[in-house]
Amino acid sequence: MPPMPPGADAPTPAAGAPVHVLRGAHALMAVIDRGSADYVGIVTTDRDGRFRVALPAGTYTVLTEHAGAPYLNCFSGDGTWCTVTVADGAWSETQIVDSADATF
């Protein structure tokens, strides 16, 4: 993506955005099945767009919603969304950037 020109809007934090957590890797989906055995739960971002979830060690798909549909602008080479690995007693970080409406 080319650099933003001077005076362009900088990305803003997504306050109050839903963040869904699913166990394991997942391919694109049209809806989030909250009844699925892989569905861990949902949290909401704070006013700075940050969120925190306590999880046992494992691999997770962490995504949000754009226009009501599951969204994550990060894909693995096998056709699944990127995952987050959580280790015992350690913090793991992930960043979700919503670029669905970006103009290139």
Protein backbone atom coordinates (compact mmCIF):
# COMPACT_ATOMS: atom_id res chain seq x y z
CA MET A 1 0.00 0.00 0.00
CA PRO A 2 1.47 3.42 -0.83
CA PRO A 3 2.21 5.75 2.06
CA MET A 4 -0.61 7.98 3.24
CA PRO A 5 -0.34 11.56 2.00
CA PRO A 6 0.14 14.36 4.52
CA GLY A 7 -3.16 15.33 6.11
CA ALA A 8 -4.84 11.98 5.36
CA ASP A 9 -6.87 10.39 8.11
CA ALA A 10 -4.78 8.13 10.31
CA PRO A 11 -6.28 4.81 11.37
CA THR A 12 -8.43 5.12 14.46
CA PRO A 13 -8.96 2.57 17.23
CA ALA A 14 -12.17 0.58 17.00
CA ALA A 15 -13.81 1.32 20.34
CA GLY A 16 -16.61 -1.09 21.25
CA ALA A 17 -15.80 -3.58 18.47
CA PRO A 18 -16.74 -7.23 18.97
CA VAL A 19 -13.80 -9.66 19.06
CA HIS A 20 -14.56 -13.37 18.67
CA VAL A 21 -12.22 -16.17 19.77
CA LEU A 22 -12.28 -19.65 18.25
CA ARG A 23 -10.05 -22.64 19.03
CA GLY A 24 -7.73 -23.68 16.21
CA ALA A 25 -7.38 -22.48 12.64
CA HIS A 26 -10.46 -21.64 10.57
CA ALA A 27 -11.17 -21.02 6.91
CA LEU A 28 -13.26 -18.05 5.84
CA MET A 29 -16.87 -18.26 6.97
CA ALA A 30 -20.03 -16.32 6.22
CA VAL A 31 -21.25 -16.32 9.83
CA ILE A 32 -19.76 -17.10 13.21
CA ASP A 33 -21.34 -20.20 14.74
CA ARG A 34 -21.53 -19.35 18.42
CA GLY A 35 -22.81 -22.86 19.11
CA SER A 36 -19.72 -24.50 17.62
CA ALA A 37 -17.47 -26.53 19.91
CA ASP A 38 -14.58 -24.30 18.73
CA TYR A 39 -16.31 -21.06 19.74
CA VAL A 40 -14.66 -19.76 22.94
CA GLY A 41 -16.47 -16.45 23.32
CA ILE A 42 -16.71 -12.77 22.57
CA VAL A 43 -15.22 -9.65 24.16
CA THR A 44 -15.59 -5.98 23.30
CA THR A 45 -12.70 -3.60 22.71
CA ASP A 46 -12.17 -0.71 25.11
CA ARG A 47 -12.19 2.97 24.07
CA ASP A 48 -8.63 2.57 22.75
CA GLY A 49 -9.54 -0.46 20.64
CA ARG A 50 -7.73 -2.87 22.95
CA PHE A 51 -8.97 -6.15 24.35
CA ARG A 52 -7.73 -8.82 26.73
CA VAL A 53 -8.79 -12.46 27.01
CA ALA A 54 -7.51 -15.10 29.44
CA LEU A 55 -7.03 -18.35 27.51
CA PRO A 56 -5.37 -21.69 28.16
CA ALA A 57 -2.34 -22.55 26.03
CA GLY A 58 -3.24 -23.36 22.45
CA THR A 59 -3.86 -21.99 18.97
CA TYR A 60 -6.75 -19.60 18.36
CA THR A 61 -8.39 -17.63 15.57
CA VAL A 62 -9.17 -14.12 16.82
CA LEU A 63 -11.39 -12.04 14.55
CA THR A 64 -13.83 -9.17 14.51
CA GLU A 65 -16.78 -8.18 12.33
CA HIS A 66 -17.08 -5.83 9.37
CA ALA A 67 -20.60 -4.90 8.25
CA GLY A 68 -21.90 -7.78 10.38
CA ALA A 69 -19.70 -10.47 8.79
CA PRO A 70 -16.65 -12.24 10.28
CA TYR A 71 -13.51 -10.28 9.41
CA LEU A 72 -9.75 -10.67 9.75
CA ASN A 73 -7.35 -9.11 7.25
CA CYS A 74 -4.70 -11.81 7.66
CA PHE A 75 -4.49 -15.18 5.91
CA SER A 76 -2.19 -18.17 6.17
CA GLY A 77 -0.83 -19.89 3.08
CA ASP A 78 -3.26 -22.80 3.52
CA GLY A 79 -6.43 -20.72 3.08
CA THR A 80 -7.17 -20.23 6.77
CA TRP A 81 -7.17 -17.02 8.76
CA CYS A 82 -4.00 -16.27 10.72
CA THR A 83 -3.90 -17.69 14.21
CA VAL A 84 -2.56 -16.62 17.59
CA THR A 85 -0.52 -19.04 19.69
CA VAL A 86 -0.98 -18.76 23.44
CA ALA A 87 1.70 -20.20 25.76
CA ASP A 88 1.25 -20.98 29.46
CA GLY A 89 2.01 -18.00 31.67
CA ALA A 90 2.83 -15.65 28.78
CA TRP A 91 1.12 -12.76 27.00
CA SER A 92 0.34 -13.13 23.31
CA GLU A 93 -0.43 -10.12 21.14
CA THR A 94 -2.43 -9.73 17.98
CA GLN A 95 -3.53 -6.73 15.97
CA ILE A 96 -6.64 -6.63 13.82
CA VAL A 97 -6.61 -3.97 11.10
CA ASP A 98 -9.88 -3.38 9.25
CA SER A 99 -8.88 -2.39 5.76
CA ALA A 100 -12.06 -3.62 4.04
CA ASP A 101 -13.07 -0.08 3.02
CA ALA A 102 -9.53 1.07 2.15
CA THR A 103 -8.96 2.78 -1.18
CA PHE A 104 -5.75 1.87 -2.96
